[in-house]
Amino acid sequence: NTQIEGKVQRRLGEYAKDLEERRRQLAEQ
């Protein structure tokens, strides 16, 4: 559960970073 939760948190962080990068790119565009 801890490993799964870590992976989920890591994936959520990656998704958040990806989402923020997309927002930045869209704002720049």
mmCIF file of all heavy atoms, coordinates in Angstrom:
data_MODEL
# 
_entry.id   MODEL 
# 
loop_
_atom_site.group_PDB 
_atom_site.id 
_atom_site.type_symbol 
_atom_site.label_atom_id 
_atom_site.label_alt_id 
_atom_site.label_comp_id 
_atom_site.label_asym_id 
_atom_site.label_entity_id 
_atom_site.label_seq_id 
_atom_site.pdbx_PDB_ins_code 
_atom_site.Cartn_x 
_atom_site.Cartn_y 
_atom_site.Cartn_z 
_atom_site.occupancy 
_atom_site.B_iso_or_equiv 
_atom_site.pdbx_formal_charge 
_atom_site.auth_seq_id 
_atom_site.auth_comp_id 
_atom_site.auth_asym_id 
_atom_site.auth_atom_id 
_atom_site.pdbx_PDB_model_num 
ATOM 1   N N   . ASN A 1 1  ? 0.840  -1.201 0.000   1.00 0.00 ? 1  ASN A N   1 
ATOM 2   C CA  . ASN A 1 1  ? 0.000  0.000  0.000   1.00 0.00 ? 1  ASN A CA  1 
ATOM 3   C C   . ASN A 1 1  ? 0.875  1.252  0.000   1.00 0.00 ? 1  ASN A C   1 
ATOM 4   O O   . ASN A 1 1  ? 0.578  2.220  -0.693  1.00 0.00 ? 1  ASN A O   1 
ATOM 5   C CB  . ASN A 1 1  ? -0.939 0.007  1.206   1.00 0.00 ? 1  ASN A CB  1 
ATOM 6   C CG  . ASN A 1 1  ? -2.101 -0.958 1.039   1.00 0.00 ? 1  ASN A CG  1 
ATOM 7   O OD1 . ASN A 1 1  ? -2.379 -1.398 -0.067  1.00 0.00 ? 1  ASN A OD1 1 
ATOM 8   N ND2 . ASN A 1 1  ? -2.758 -1.294 2.136   1.00 0.00 ? 1  ASN A ND2 1 
ATOM 9   N N   . THR A 1 2  ? 1.948  1.211  0.779   1.00 0.00 ? 2  THR A N   1 
ATOM 10  C CA  . THR A 1 2  ? 2.861  2.350  0.814   1.00 0.00 ? 2  THR A CA  1 
ATOM 11  C C   . THR A 1 2  ? 3.518  2.530  -0.543  1.00 0.00 ? 2  THR A C   1 
ATOM 12  O O   . THR A 1 2  ? 3.651  3.661  -1.040  1.00 0.00 ? 2  THR A O   1 
ATOM 13  C CB  . THR A 1 2  ? 3.923  2.164  1.911   1.00 0.00 ? 2  THR A CB  1 
ATOM 14  O OG1 . THR A 1 2  ? 3.272  1.933  3.160   1.00 0.00 ? 2  THR A OG1 1 
ATOM 15  C CG2 . THR A 1 2  ? 4.825  3.363  2.027   1.00 0.00 ? 2  THR A CG2 1 
ATOM 16  N N   . GLN A 1 3  ? 3.952  1.412  -1.161  1.00 0.00 ? 3  GLN A N   1 
ATOM 17  C CA  . GLN A 1 3  ? 4.577  1.493  -2.484  1.00 0.00 ? 3  GLN A CA  1 
ATOM 18  C C   . GLN A 1 3  ? 3.567  2.017  -3.516  1.00 0.00 ? 3  GLN A C   1 
ATOM 19  O O   . GLN A 1 3  ? 3.878  2.877  -4.340  1.00 0.00 ? 3  GLN A O   1 
ATOM 20  C CB  . GLN A 1 3  ? 5.105  0.124  -2.916  1.00 0.00 ? 3  GLN A CB  1 
ATOM 21  C CG  . GLN A 1 3  ? 6.363  -0.305 -2.217  1.00 0.00 ? 3  GLN A CG  1 
ATOM 22  C CD  . GLN A 1 3  ? 6.780  -1.714 -2.662  1.00 0.00 ? 3  GLN A CD  1 
ATOM 23  O OE1 . GLN A 1 3  ? 6.042  -2.414 -3.368  1.00 0.00 ? 3  GLN A OE1 1 
ATOM 24  N NE2 . GLN A 1 3  ? 7.972  -2.120 -2.240  1.00 0.00 ? 3  GLN A NE2 1 
ATOM 25  N N   . ILE A 1 4  ? 2.346  1.442  -3.431  1.00 0.00 ? 4  ILE A N   1 
ATOM 26  C CA  . ILE A 1 4  ? 1.300  1.870  -4.373  1.00 0.00 ? 4  ILE A CA  1 
ATOM 27  C C   . ILE A 1 4  ? 1.001  3.355  -4.139  1.00 0.00 ? 4  ILE A C   1 
ATOM 28  O O   . ILE A 1 4  ? 0.892  4.148  -5.098  1.00 0.00 ? 4  ILE A O   1 
ATOM 29  C CB  . ILE A 1 4  ? 0.033  1.012  -4.220  1.00 0.00 ? 4  ILE A CB  1 
ATOM 30  C CG1 . ILE A 1 4  ? 0.302  -0.402 -4.734  1.00 0.00 ? 4  ILE A CG1 1 
ATOM 31  C CG2 . ILE A 1 4  ? -1.136 1.639  -4.965  1.00 0.00 ? 4  ILE A CG2 1 
ATOM 32  C CD1 . ILE A 1 4  ? -0.833 -1.381 -4.451  1.00 0.00 ? 4  ILE A CD1 1 
ATOM 33  N N   . GLU A 1 5  ? 0.859  3.725  -2.885  1.00 0.00 ? 5  GLU A N   1 
ATOM 34  C CA  . GLU A 1 5  ? 0.584  5.125  -2.581  1.00 0.00 ? 5  GLU A CA  1 
ATOM 35  C C   . GLU A 1 5  ? 1.721  6.006  -3.054  1.00 0.00 ? 5  GLU A C   1 
ATOM 36  O O   . GLU A 1 5  ? 1.491  7.089  -3.609  1.00 0.00 ? 5  GLU A O   1 
ATOM 37  C CB  . GLU A 1 5  ? 0.393  5.291  -1.064  1.00 0.00 ? 5  GLU A CB  1 
ATOM 38  C CG  . GLU A 1 5  ? -0.136 6.648  -0.695  1.00 0.00 ? 5  GLU A CG  1 
ATOM 39  C CD  . GLU A 1 5  ? -0.406 6.759  0.804   1.00 0.00 ? 5  GLU A CD  1 
ATOM 40  O OE1 . GLU A 1 5  ? -0.949 5.814  1.383   1.00 0.00 ? 5  GLU A OE1 1 
ATOM 41  O OE2 . GLU A 1 5  ? -0.052 7.824  1.356   1.00 0.00 ? 5  GLU A OE2 1 
ATOM 42  N N   . GLY A 1 6  ? 2.965  5.569  -2.902  1.00 0.00 ? 6  GLY A N   1 
ATOM 43  C CA  . GLY A 1 6  ? 4.121  6.329  -3.387  1.00 0.00 ? 6  GLY A CA  1 
ATOM 44  C C   . GLY A 1 6  ? 4.080  6.485  -4.901  1.00 0.00 ? 6  GLY A C   1 
ATOM 45  O O   . GLY A 1 6  ? 4.339  7.561  -5.447  1.00 0.00 ? 6  GLY A O   1 
ATOM 46  N N   . LYS A 1 7  ? 3.777  5.340  -5.586  1.00 0.00 ? 7  LYS A N   1 
ATOM 47  C CA  . LYS A 1 7  ? 3.693  5.400  -7.050  1.00 0.00 ? 7  LYS A CA  1 
ATOM 48  C C   . LYS A 1 7  ? 2.560  6.338  -7.483  1.00 0.00 ? 7  LYS A C   1 
ATOM 49  O O   . LYS A 1 7  ? 2.701  7.119  -8.426  1.00 0.00 ? 7  LYS A O   1 
ATOM 50  C CB  . LYS A 1 7  ? 3.473  4.000  -7.629  1.00 0.00 ? 7  LYS A CB  1 
ATOM 51  C CG  . LYS A 1 7  ? 4.706  3.132  -7.592  1.00 0.00 ? 7  LYS A CG  1 
ATOM 52  C CD  . LYS A 1 7  ? 4.417  1.770  -8.209  1.00 0.00 ? 7  LYS A CD  1 
ATOM 53  C CE  . LYS A 1 7  ? 5.659  0.873  -8.174  1.00 0.00 ? 7  LYS A CE  1 
ATOM 54  N NZ  . LYS A 1 7  ? 5.418  -0.448 -8.749  1.00 0.00 ? 7  LYS A NZ  1 
ATOM 55  N N   . VAL A 1 8  ? 1.405  6.238  -6.794  1.00 0.00 ? 8  VAL A N   1 
ATOM 56  C CA  . VAL A 1 8  ? 0.266  7.090  -7.119  1.00 0.00 ? 8  VAL A CA  1 
ATOM 57  C C   . VAL A 1 8  ? 0.651  8.555  -6.908  1.00 0.00 ? 8  VAL A C   1 
ATOM 58  O O   . VAL A 1 8  ? 0.378  9.422  -7.750  1.00 0.00 ? 8  VAL A O   1 
ATOM 59  C CB  . VAL A 1 8  ? -0.975 6.697  -6.290  1.00 0.00 ? 8  VAL A CB  1 
ATOM 60  C CG1 . VAL A 1 8  ? -2.060 7.763  -6.377  1.00 0.00 ? 8  VAL A CG1 1 
ATOM 61  C CG2 . VAL A 1 8  ? -1.516 5.348  -6.737  1.00 0.00 ? 8  VAL A CG2 1 
ATOM 62  N N   . GLN A 1 9  ? 1.304  8.816  -5.757  1.00 0.00 ? 9  GLN A N   1 
ATOM 63  C CA  . GLN A 1 9  ? 1.718  10.196 -5.468  1.00 0.00 ? 9  GLN A CA  1 
ATOM 64  C C   . GLN A 1 9  ? 2.721  10.695 -6.503  1.00 0.00 ? 9  GLN A C   1 
ATOM 65  O O   . GLN A 1 9  ? 2.651  11.836 -6.961  1.00 0.00 ? 9  GLN A O   1 
ATOM 66  C CB  . GLN A 1 9  ? 2.314  10.310 -4.050  1.00 0.00 ? 9  GLN A CB  1 
ATOM 67  C CG  . GLN A 1 9  ? 1.315  10.150 -2.942  1.00 0.00 ? 9  GLN A CG  1 
ATOM 68  C CD  . GLN A 1 9  ? 0.225  11.197 -3.005  1.00 0.00 ? 9  GLN A CD  1 
ATOM 69  O OE1 . GLN A 1 9  ? 0.460  12.362 -3.336  1.00 0.00 ? 9  GLN A OE1 1 
ATOM 70  N NE2 . GLN A 1 9  ? -1.004 10.771 -2.714  1.00 0.00 ? 9  GLN A NE2 1 
ATOM 71  N N   . ARG A 1 10 ? 3.671  9.802  -6.855  1.00 0.00 ? 10 ARG A N   1 
ATOM 72  C CA  . ARG A 1 10 ? 4.662  10.170 -7.859  1.00 0.00 ? 10 ARG A CA  1 
ATOM 73  C C   . ARG A 1 10 ? 3.978  10.432 -9.197  1.00 0.00 ? 10 ARG A C   1 
ATOM 74  O O   . ARG A 1 10 ? 4.240  11.428 -9.866  1.00 0.00 ? 10 ARG A O   1 
ATOM 75  C CB  . ARG A 1 10 ? 5.716  9.064  -7.981  1.00 0.00 ? 10 ARG A CB  1 
ATOM 76  C CG  . ARG A 1 10 ? 6.912  9.500  -8.824  1.00 0.00 ? 10 ARG A CG  1 
ATOM 77  C CD  . ARG A 1 10 ? 7.971  8.422  -8.952  1.00 0.00 ? 10 ARG A CD  1 
ATOM 78  N NE  . ARG A 1 10 ? 7.333  7.229  -9.520  1.00 0.00 ? 10 ARG A NE  1 
ATOM 79  C CZ  . ARG A 1 10 ? 7.567  5.974  -9.150  1.00 0.00 ? 10 ARG A CZ  1 
ATOM 80  N NH1 . ARG A 1 10 ? 8.438  5.730  -8.228  1.00 0.00 ? 10 ARG A NH1 1 
ATOM 81  N NH2 . ARG A 1 10 ? 6.926  4.960  -9.691  1.00 0.00 ? 10 ARG A NH2 1 
ATOM 82  N N   . ARG A 1 11 ? 3.038  9.535  -9.601  1.00 0.00 ? 11 ARG A N   1 
ATOM 83  C CA  . ARG A 1 11 ? 2.309  9.728  -10.854 1.00 0.00 ? 11 ARG A CA  1 
ATOM 84  C C   . ARG A 1 11 ? 1.465  10.998 -10.791 1.00 0.00 ? 11 ARG A C   1 
ATOM 85  O O   . ARG A 1 11 ? 1.409  11.744 -11.760 1.00 0.00 ? 11 ARG A O   1 
ATOM 86  C CB  . ARG A 1 11 ? 1.402  8.537  -11.149 1.00 0.00 ? 11 ARG A CB  1 
ATOM 87  C CG  . ARG A 1 11 ? 2.104  7.276  -11.538 1.00 0.00 ? 11 ARG A CG  1 
ATOM 88  C CD  . ARG A 1 11 ? 2.565  7.405  -12.985 1.00 0.00 ? 11 ARG A CD  1 
ATOM 89  N NE  . ARG A 1 11 ? 3.310  6.220  -13.322 1.00 0.00 ? 11 ARG A NE  1 
ATOM 90  C CZ  . ARG A 1 11 ? 3.164  5.551  -14.424 1.00 0.00 ? 11 ARG A CZ  1 
ATOM 91  N NH1 . ARG A 1 11 ? 2.317  5.973  -15.317 1.00 0.00 ? 11 ARG A NH1 1 
ATOM 92  N NH2 . ARG A 1 11 ? 3.876  4.493  -14.659 1.00 0.00 ? 11 ARG A NH2 1 
ATOM 93  N N   . LEU A 1 12 ? 0.806  11.240 -9.673  1.00 0.00 ? 12 LEU A N   1 
ATOM 94  C CA  . LEU A 1 12 ? 0.015  12.461 -9.533  1.00 0.00 ? 12 LEU A CA  1 
ATOM 95  C C   . LEU A 1 12 ? 0.914  13.691 -9.635  1.00 0.00 ? 12 LEU A C   1 
ATOM 96  O O   . LEU A 1 12 ? 0.536  14.701 -10.258 1.00 0.00 ? 12 LEU A O   1 
ATOM 97  C CB  . LEU A 1 12 ? -0.744 12.476 -8.198  1.00 0.00 ? 12 LEU A CB  1 
ATOM 98  C CG  . LEU A 1 12 ? -1.974 11.575 -8.114  1.00 0.00 ? 12 LEU A CG  1 
ATOM 99  C CD1 . LEU A 1 12 ? -2.540 11.585 -6.687  1.00 0.00 ? 12 LEU A CD1 1 
ATOM 100 C CD2 . LEU A 1 12 ? -3.035 11.985 -9.103  1.00 0.00 ? 12 LEU A CD2 1 
ATOM 101 N N   . GLY A 1 13 ? 2.086  13.610 -9.063  1.00 0.00 ? 13 GLY A N   1 
ATOM 102 C CA  . GLY A 1 13 ? 3.051  14.713 -9.180  1.00 0.00 ? 13 GLY A CA  1 
ATOM 103 C C   . GLY A 1 13 ? 3.477  14.918 -10.623 1.00 0.00 ? 13 GLY A C   1 
ATOM 104 O O   . GLY A 1 13 ? 3.561  16.059 -11.114 1.00 0.00 ? 13 GLY A O   1 
ATOM 105 N N   . GLU A 1 14 ? 3.741  13.789 -11.314 1.00 0.00 ? 14 GLU A N   1 
ATOM 106 C CA  . GLU A 1 14 ? 4.129  13.879 -12.727 1.00 0.00 ? 14 GLU A CA  1 
ATOM 107 C C   . GLU A 1 14 ? 2.985  14.481 -13.551 1.00 0.00 ? 14 GLU A C   1 
ATOM 108 O O   . GLU A 1 14 ? 3.198  15.320 -14.419 1.00 0.00 ? 14 GLU A O   1 
ATOM 109 C CB  . GLU A 1 14 ? 4.506  12.496 -13.258 1.00 0.00 ? 14 GLU A CB  1 
ATOM 110 C CG  . GLU A 1 14 ? 5.817  11.955 -12.723 1.00 0.00 ? 14 GLU A CG  1 
ATOM 111 C CD  . GLU A 1 14 ? 6.061  10.500 -13.139 1.00 0.00 ? 14 GLU A CD  1 
ATOM 112 O OE1 . GLU A 1 14 ? 5.209  9.919  -13.877 1.00 0.00 ? 14 GLU A OE1 1 
ATOM 113 O OE2 . GLU A 1 14 ? 7.094  9.967  -12.729 1.00 0.00 ? 14 GLU A OE2 1 
ATOM 114 N N   . TYR A 1 15 ? 1.738  14.003 -13.264 1.00 0.00 ? 15 TYR A N   1 
ATOM 115 C CA  . TYR A 1 15 ? 0.590  14.541 -13.970 1.00 0.00 ? 15 TYR A CA  1 
ATOM 116 C C   . TYR A 1 15 ? 0.423  16.037 -13.683 1.00 0.00 ? 15 TYR A C   1 
ATOM 117 O O   . TYR A 1 15 ? 0.112  16.832 -14.575 1.00 0.00 ? 15 TYR A O   1 
ATOM 118 C CB  . TYR A 1 15 ? -0.689 13.797 -13.596 1.00 0.00 ? 15 TYR A CB  1 
ATOM 119 C CG  . TYR A 1 15 ? -0.776 12.389 -14.145 1.00 0.00 ? 15 TYR A CG  1 
ATOM 120 C CD1 . TYR A 1 15 ? -1.389 11.381 -13.390 1.00 0.00 ? 15 TYR A CD1 1 
ATOM 121 C CD2 . TYR A 1 15 ? -0.283 12.059 -15.393 1.00 0.00 ? 15 TYR A CD2 1 
ATOM 122 C CE1 . TYR A 1 15 ? -1.472 10.080 -13.872 1.00 0.00 ? 15 TYR A CE1 1 
ATOM 123 C CE2 . TYR A 1 15 ? -0.362 10.757 -15.884 1.00 0.00 ? 15 TYR A CE2 1 
ATOM 124 C CZ  . TYR A 1 15 ? -0.965 9.771  -15.110 1.00 0.00 ? 15 TYR A CZ  1 
ATOM 125 O OH  . TYR A 1 15 ? -1.066 8.500  -15.587 1.00 0.00 ? 15 TYR A OH  1 
ATOM 126 N N   . ALA A 1 16 ? 0.624  16.410 -12.444 1.00 0.00 ? 16 ALA A N   1 
ATOM 127 C CA  . ALA A 1 16 ? 0.503  17.829 -12.068 1.00 0.00 ? 16 ALA A CA  1 
ATOM 128 C C   . ALA A 1 16 ? 1.565  18.650 -12.789 1.00 0.00 ? 16 ALA A C   1 
ATOM 129 O O   . ALA A 1 16 ? 1.282  19.741 -13.305 1.00 0.00 ? 16 ALA A O   1 
ATOM 130 C CB  . ALA A 1 16 ? 0.628  17.987 -10.549 1.00 0.00 ? 16 ALA A CB  1 
ATOM 131 N N   . LYS A 1 17 ? 2.828  18.115 -12.825 1.00 0.00 ? 17 LYS A N   1 
ATOM 132 C CA  . LYS A 1 17 ? 3.905  18.814 -13.542 1.00 0.00 ? 17 LYS A CA  1 
ATOM 133 C C   . LYS A 1 17 ? 3.561  18.914 -15.032 1.00 0.00 ? 17 LYS A C   1 
ATOM 134 O O   . LYS A 1 17 ? 3.737  19.953 -15.647 1.00 0.00 ? 17 LYS A O   1 
ATOM 135 C CB  . LYS A 1 17 ? 5.238  18.093 -13.365 1.00 0.00 ? 17 LYS A CB  1 
ATOM 136 C CG  . LYS A 1 17 ? 5.911  18.325 -12.060 1.00 0.00 ? 17 LYS A CG  1 
ATOM 137 C CD  . LYS A 1 17 ? 7.267  17.617 -12.051 1.00 0.00 ? 17 LYS A CD  1 
ATOM 138 C CE  . LYS A 1 17 ? 7.960  17.789 -10.721 1.00 0.00 ? 17 LYS A CE  1 
ATOM 139 N NZ  . LYS A 1 17 ? 9.244  17.058 -10.697 1.00 0.00 ? 17 LYS A NZ  1 
ATOM 140 N N   . ASP A 1 18 ? 3.092  17.782 -15.596 1.00 0.00 ? 18 ASP A N   1 
ATOM 141 C CA  . ASP A 1 18 ? 2.725  17.767 -17.012 1.00 0.00 ? 18 ASP A CA  1 
ATOM 142 C C   . ASP A 1 18 ? 1.590  18.758 -17.280 1.00 0.00 ? 18 ASP A C   1 
ATOM 143 O O   . ASP A 1 18 ? 1.622  19.520 -18.255 1.00 0.00 ? 18 ASP A O   1 
ATOM 144 C CB  . ASP A 1 18 ? 2.320  16.344 -17.425 1.00 0.00 ? 18 ASP A CB  1 
ATOM 145 C CG  . ASP A 1 18 ? 2.063  16.224 -18.917 1.00 0.00 ? 18 ASP A CG  1 
ATOM 146 O OD1 . ASP A 1 18 ? 2.920  16.717 -19.705 1.00 0.00 ? 18 ASP A OD1 1 
ATOM 147 O OD2 . ASP A 1 18 ? 1.008  15.670 -19.307 1.00 0.00 ? 18 ASP A OD2 1 
ATOM 148 N N   . LEU A 1 19 ? 0.591  18.746 -16.402 1.00 0.00 ? 19 LEU A N   1 
ATOM 149 C CA  . LEU A 1 19 ? -0.533 19.657 -16.541 1.00 0.00 ? 19 LEU A CA  1 
ATOM 150 C C   . LEU A 1 19 ? -0.063 21.110 -16.430 1.00 0.00 ? 19 LEU A C   1 
ATOM 151 O O   . LEU A 1 19 ? -0.467 21.974 -17.218 1.00 0.00 ? 19 LEU A O   1 
ATOM 152 C CB  . LEU A 1 19 ? -1.591 19.359 -15.474 1.00 0.00 ? 19 LEU A CB  1 
ATOM 153 C CG  . LEU A 1 19 ? -2.858 20.193 -15.523 1.00 0.00 ? 19 LEU A CG  1 
ATOM 154 C CD1 . LEU A 1 19 ? -3.586 19.986 -16.842 1.00 0.00 ? 19 LEU A CD1 1 
ATOM 155 C CD2 . LEU A 1 19 ? -3.761 19.847 -14.348 1.00 0.00 ? 19 LEU A CD2 1 
ATOM 156 N N   . GLU A 1 20 ? 0.793  21.403 -15.487 1.00 0.00 ? 20 GLU A N   1 
ATOM 157 C CA  . GLU A 1 20 ? 1.326  22.764 -15.324 1.00 0.00 ? 20 GLU A CA  1 
ATOM 158 C C   . GLU A 1 20 ? 2.144  23.167 -16.550 1.00 0.00 ? 20 GLU A C   1 
ATOM 159 O O   . GLU A 1 20 ? 2.048  24.304 -17.009 1.00 0.00 ? 20 GLU A O   1 
ATOM 160 C CB  . GLU A 1 20 ? 2.178  22.832 -14.047 1.00 0.00 ? 20 GLU A CB  1 
ATOM 161 C CG  . GLU A 1 20 ? 2.549  24.217 -13.632 1.00 0.00 ? 20 GLU A CG  1 
ATOM 162 C CD  . GLU A 1 20 ? 1.334  25.097 -13.376 1.00 0.00 ? 20 GLU A CD  1 
ATOM 163 O OE1 . GLU A 1 20 ? 0.321  24.626 -12.841 1.00 0.00 ? 20 GLU A OE1 1 
ATOM 164 O OE2 . GLU A 1 20 ? 1.407  26.299 -13.741 1.00 0.00 ? 20 GLU A OE2 1 
ATOM 165 N N   . GLU A 1 21 ? 2.927  22.241 -17.099 1.00 0.00 ? 21 GLU A N   1 
ATOM 166 C CA  . GLU A 1 21 ? 3.722  22.522 -18.302 1.00 0.00 ? 21 GLU A CA  1 
ATOM 167 C C   . GLU A 1 21 ? 2.792  22.803 -19.485 1.00 0.00 ? 21 GLU A C   1 
ATOM 168 O O   . GLU A 1 21 ? 3.011  23.740 -20.260 1.00 0.00 ? 21 GLU A O   1 
ATOM 169 C CB  . GLU A 1 21 ? 4.663  21.354 -18.609 1.00 0.00 ? 21 GLU A CB  1 
ATOM 170 C CG  . GLU A 1 21 ? 5.513  21.530 -19.848 1.00 0.00 ? 21 GLU A CG  1 
ATOM 171 C CD  . GLU A 1 21 ? 6.475  22.709 -19.762 1.00 0.00 ? 21 GLU A CD  1 
ATOM 172 O OE1 . GLU A 1 21 ? 6.823  23.170 -18.655 1.00 0.00 ? 21 GLU A OE1 1 
ATOM 173 O OE2 . GLU A 1 21 ? 6.886  23.206 -20.835 1.00 0.00 ? 21 GLU A OE2 1 
ATOM 174 N N   . ARG A 1 22 ? 1.743  22.030 -19.604 1.00 0.00 ? 22 ARG A N   1 
ATOM 175 C CA  . ARG A 1 22 ? 0.777  22.257 -20.683 1.00 0.00 ? 22 ARG A CA  1 
ATOM 176 C C   . ARG A 1 22 ? 0.092  23.615 -20.515 1.00 0.00 ? 22 ARG A C   1 
ATOM 177 O O   . ARG A 1 22 ? -0.110 24.334 -21.485 1.00 0.00 ? 22 ARG A O   1 
ATOM 178 C CB  . ARG A 1 22 ? -0.265 21.148 -20.719 1.00 0.00 ? 22 ARG A CB  1 
ATOM 179 C CG  . ARG A 1 22 ? 0.269  19.845 -21.262 1.00 0.00 ? 22 ARG A CG  1 
ATOM 180 C CD  . ARG A 1 22 ? -0.824 18.818 -21.322 1.00 0.00 ? 22 ARG A CD  1 
ATOM 181 N NE  . ARG A 1 22 ? -0.340 17.558 -21.832 1.00 0.00 ? 22 ARG A NE  1 
ATOM 182 C CZ  . ARG A 1 22 ? -1.105 16.513 -22.088 1.00 0.00 ? 22 ARG A CZ  1 
ATOM 183 N NH1 . ARG A 1 22 ? -2.410 16.603 -21.868 1.00 0.00 ? 22 ARG A NH1 1 
ATOM 184 N NH2 . ARG A 1 22 ? -0.598 15.401 -22.544 1.00 0.00 ? 22 ARG A NH2 1 
ATOM 185 N N   . ARG A 1 23 ? -0.285 23.942 -19.268 1.00 0.00 ? 23 ARG A N   1 
ATOM 186 C CA  . ARG A 1 23 ? -0.898 25.246 -19.008 1.00 0.00 ? 23 ARG A CA  1 
ATOM 187 C C   . ARG A 1 23 ? 0.056  26.375 -19.394 1.00 0.00 ? 23 ARG A C   1 
ATOM 188 O O   . ARG A 1 23 ? -0.355 27.359 -20.003 1.00 0.00 ? 23 ARG A O   1 
ATOM 189 C CB  . ARG A 1 23 ? -1.254 25.383 -17.526 1.00 0.00 ? 23 ARG A CB  1 
ATOM 190 C CG  . ARG A 1 23 ? -2.484 24.657 -17.131 1.00 0.00 ? 23 ARG A CG  1 
ATOM 191 C CD  . ARG A 1 23 ? -2.788 24.893 -15.668 1.00 0.00 ? 23 ARG A CD  1 
ATOM 192 N NE  . ARG A 1 23 ? -3.951 24.120 -15.261 1.00 0.00 ? 23 ARG A NE  1 
ATOM 193 C CZ  . ARG A 1 23 ? -4.220 23.782 -14.020 1.00 0.00 ? 23 ARG A CZ  1 
ATOM 194 N NH1 . ARG A 1 23 ? -3.401 24.143 -13.040 1.00 0.00 ? 23 ARG A NH1 1 
ATOM 195 N NH2 . ARG A 1 23 ? -5.290 23.083 -13.744 1.00 0.00 ? 23 ARG A NH2 1 
ATOM 196 N N   . ARG A 1 24 ? 1.329  26.203 -19.012 1.00 0.00 ? 24 ARG A N   1 
ATOM 197 C CA  . ARG A 1 24 ? 2.332  27.220 -19.346 1.00 0.00 ? 24 ARG A CA  1 
ATOM 198 C C   . ARG A 1 24 ? 2.474  27.357 -20.855 1.00 0.00 ? 24 ARG A C   1 
ATOM 199 O O   . ARG A 1 24 ? 2.498  28.476 -21.392 1.00 0.00 ? 24 ARG A O   1 
ATOM 200 C CB  . ARG A 1 24 ? 3.677  26.861 -18.713 1.00 0.00 ? 24 ARG A CB  1 
ATOM 201 C CG  . ARG A 1 24 ? 4.747  27.935 -18.858 1.00 0.00 ? 24 ARG A CG  1 
ATOM 202 C CD  . ARG A 1 24 ? 6.139  27.439 -18.491 1.00 0.00 ? 24 ARG A CD  1 
ATOM 203 N NE  . ARG A 1 24 ? 6.611  26.351 -19.339 1.00 0.00 ? 24 ARG A NE  1 
ATOM 204 C CZ  . ARG A 1 24 ? 7.042  26.492 -20.604 1.00 0.00 ? 24 ARG A CZ  1 
ATOM 205 N NH1 . ARG A 1 24 ? 7.035  27.670 -21.170 1.00 0.00 ? 24 ARG A NH1 1 
ATOM 206 N NH2 . ARG A 1 24 ? 7.465  25.453 -21.298 1.00 0.00 ? 24 ARG A NH2 1 
ATOM 207 N N   . GLN A 1 25 ? 2.539  26.223 -21.570 1.00 0.00 ? 25 GLN A N   1 
ATOM 208 C CA  . GLN A 1 25 ? 2.676  26.248 -23.023 1.00 0.00 ? 25 GLN A CA  1 
ATOM 209 C C   . GLN A 1 25 ? 1.441  26.886 -23.677 1.00 0.00 ? 25 GLN A C   1 
ATOM 210 O O   . GLN A 1 25 ? 1.565  27.685 -24.612 1.00 0.00 ? 25 GLN A O   1 
ATOM 211 C CB  . GLN A 1 25 ? 2.890  24.835 -23.572 1.00 0.00 ? 25 GLN A CB  1 
ATOM 212 C CG  . GLN A 1 25 ? 4.268  24.268 -23.279 1.00 0.00 ? 25 GLN A CG  1 
ATOM 213 C CD  . GLN A 1 25 ? 4.395  22.825 -23.759 1.00 0.00 ? 25 GLN A CD  1 
ATOM 214 O OE1 . GLN A 1 25 ? 3.421  22.203 -24.187 1.00 0.00 ? 25 GLN A OE1 1 
ATOM 215 N NE2 . GLN A 1 25 ? 5.605  22.288 -23.666 1.00 0.00 ? 25 GLN A NE2 1 
ATOM 216 N N   . LEU A 1 26 ? 0.243  26.532 -23.176 1.00 0.00 ? 26 LEU A N   1 
ATOM 217 C CA  . LEU A 1 26 ? -0.976 27.128 -23.726 1.00 0.00 ? 26 LEU A CA  1 
ATOM 218 C C   . LEU A 1 26 ? -1.027 28.632 -23.458 1.00 0.00 ? 26 LEU A C   1 
ATOM 219 O O   . LEU A 1 26 ? -1.407 29.418 -24.337 1.00 0.00 ? 26 LEU A O   1 
ATOM 220 C CB  . LEU A 1 26 ? -2.226 26.457 -23.147 1.00 0.00 ? 26 LEU A CB  1 
ATOM 221 C CG  . LEU A 1 26 ? -2.578 25.099 -23.737 1.00 0.00 ? 26 LEU A CG  1 
ATOM 222 C CD1 . LEU A 1 26 ? -3.740 24.478 -22.958 1.00 0.00 ? 26 LEU A CD1 1 
ATOM 223 C CD2 . LEU A 1 26 ? -2.939 25.201 -25.206 1.00 0.00 ? 26 LEU A CD2 1 
ATOM 224 N N   . ALA A 1 27 ? -0.647 29.036 -22.243 1.00 0.00 ? 27 ALA A N   1 
ATOM 225 C CA  . ALA A 1 27 ? -0.628 30.468 -21.928 1.00 0.00 ? 27 ALA A CA  1 
ATOM 226 C C   . ALA A 1 27 ? 0.370  31.186 -22.836 1.00 0.00 ? 27 ALA A C   1 
ATOM 227 O O   . ALA A 1 27 ? 0.083  32.273 -23.351 1.00 0.00 ? 27 ALA A O   1 
ATOM 228 C CB  . ALA A 1 27 ? -0.268 30.680 -20.461 1.00 0.00 ? 27 ALA A CB  1 
ATOM 229 N N   . GLU A 1 28 ? 1.533  30.574 -23.040 1.00 0.00 ? 28 GLU A N   1 
ATOM 230 C CA  . GLU A 1 28 ? 2.549  31.166 -23.918 1.00 0.00 ? 28 GLU A CA  1 
ATOM 231 C C   . GLU A 1 28 ? 2.034  31.256 -25.350 1.00 0.00 ? 28 GLU A C   1 
ATOM 232 O O   . GLU A 1 28 ? 2.211  32.276 -26.031 1.00 0.00 ? 28 GLU A O   1 
ATOM 233 C CB  . GLU A 1 28 ? 3.828  30.322 -23.861 1.00 0.00 ? 28 GLU A CB  1 
ATOM 234 C CG  . GLU A 1 28 ? 5.018  30.947 -24.561 1.00 0.00 ? 28 GLU A CG  1 
ATOM 235 C CD  . GLU A 1 28 ? 6.263  30.095 -24.389 1.00 0.00 ? 28 GLU A CD  1 
ATOM 236 O OE1 . GLU A 1 28 ? 6.639  29.803 -23.250 1.00 0.00 ? 28 GLU A OE1 1 
ATOM 237 O OE2 . GLU A 1 28 ? 6.842  29.735 -25.435 1.00 0.00 ? 28 GLU A OE2 1 
ATOM 238 N N   . GLN A 1 29 ? 1.350  30.193 -25.799 1.00 0.00 ? 29 GLN A N   1 
ATOM 239 C CA  . GLN A 1 29 ? 0.792  30.188 -27.148 1.00 0.00 ? 29 GLN A CA  1 
ATOM 240 C C   . GLN A 1 29 ? -0.284 31.270 -27.276 1.00 0.00 ? 29 GLN A C   1 
ATOM 241 O O   . GLN A 1 29 ? -0.335 31.992 -28.281 1.00 0.00 ? 29 GLN A O   1 
ATOM 242 C CB  . GLN A 1 29 ? 0.207  28.813 -27.468 1.00 0.00 ? 29 GLN A CB  1 
ATOM 243 C CG  . GLN A 1 29 ? -0.332 28.692 -28.885 1.00 0.00 ? 29 GLN A CG  1 
ATOM 244 C CD  . GLN A 1 29 ? -0.875 27.303 -29.168 1.00 0.00 ? 29 GLN A CD  1 
ATOM 245 O OE1 . GLN A 1 29 ? -0.812 26.405 -28.325 1.00 0.00 ? 29 GLN A OE1 1 
ATOM 246 N NE2 . GLN A 1 29 ? -1.411 27.132 -30.357 1.00 0.00 ? 29 GLN A NE2 1 
# 
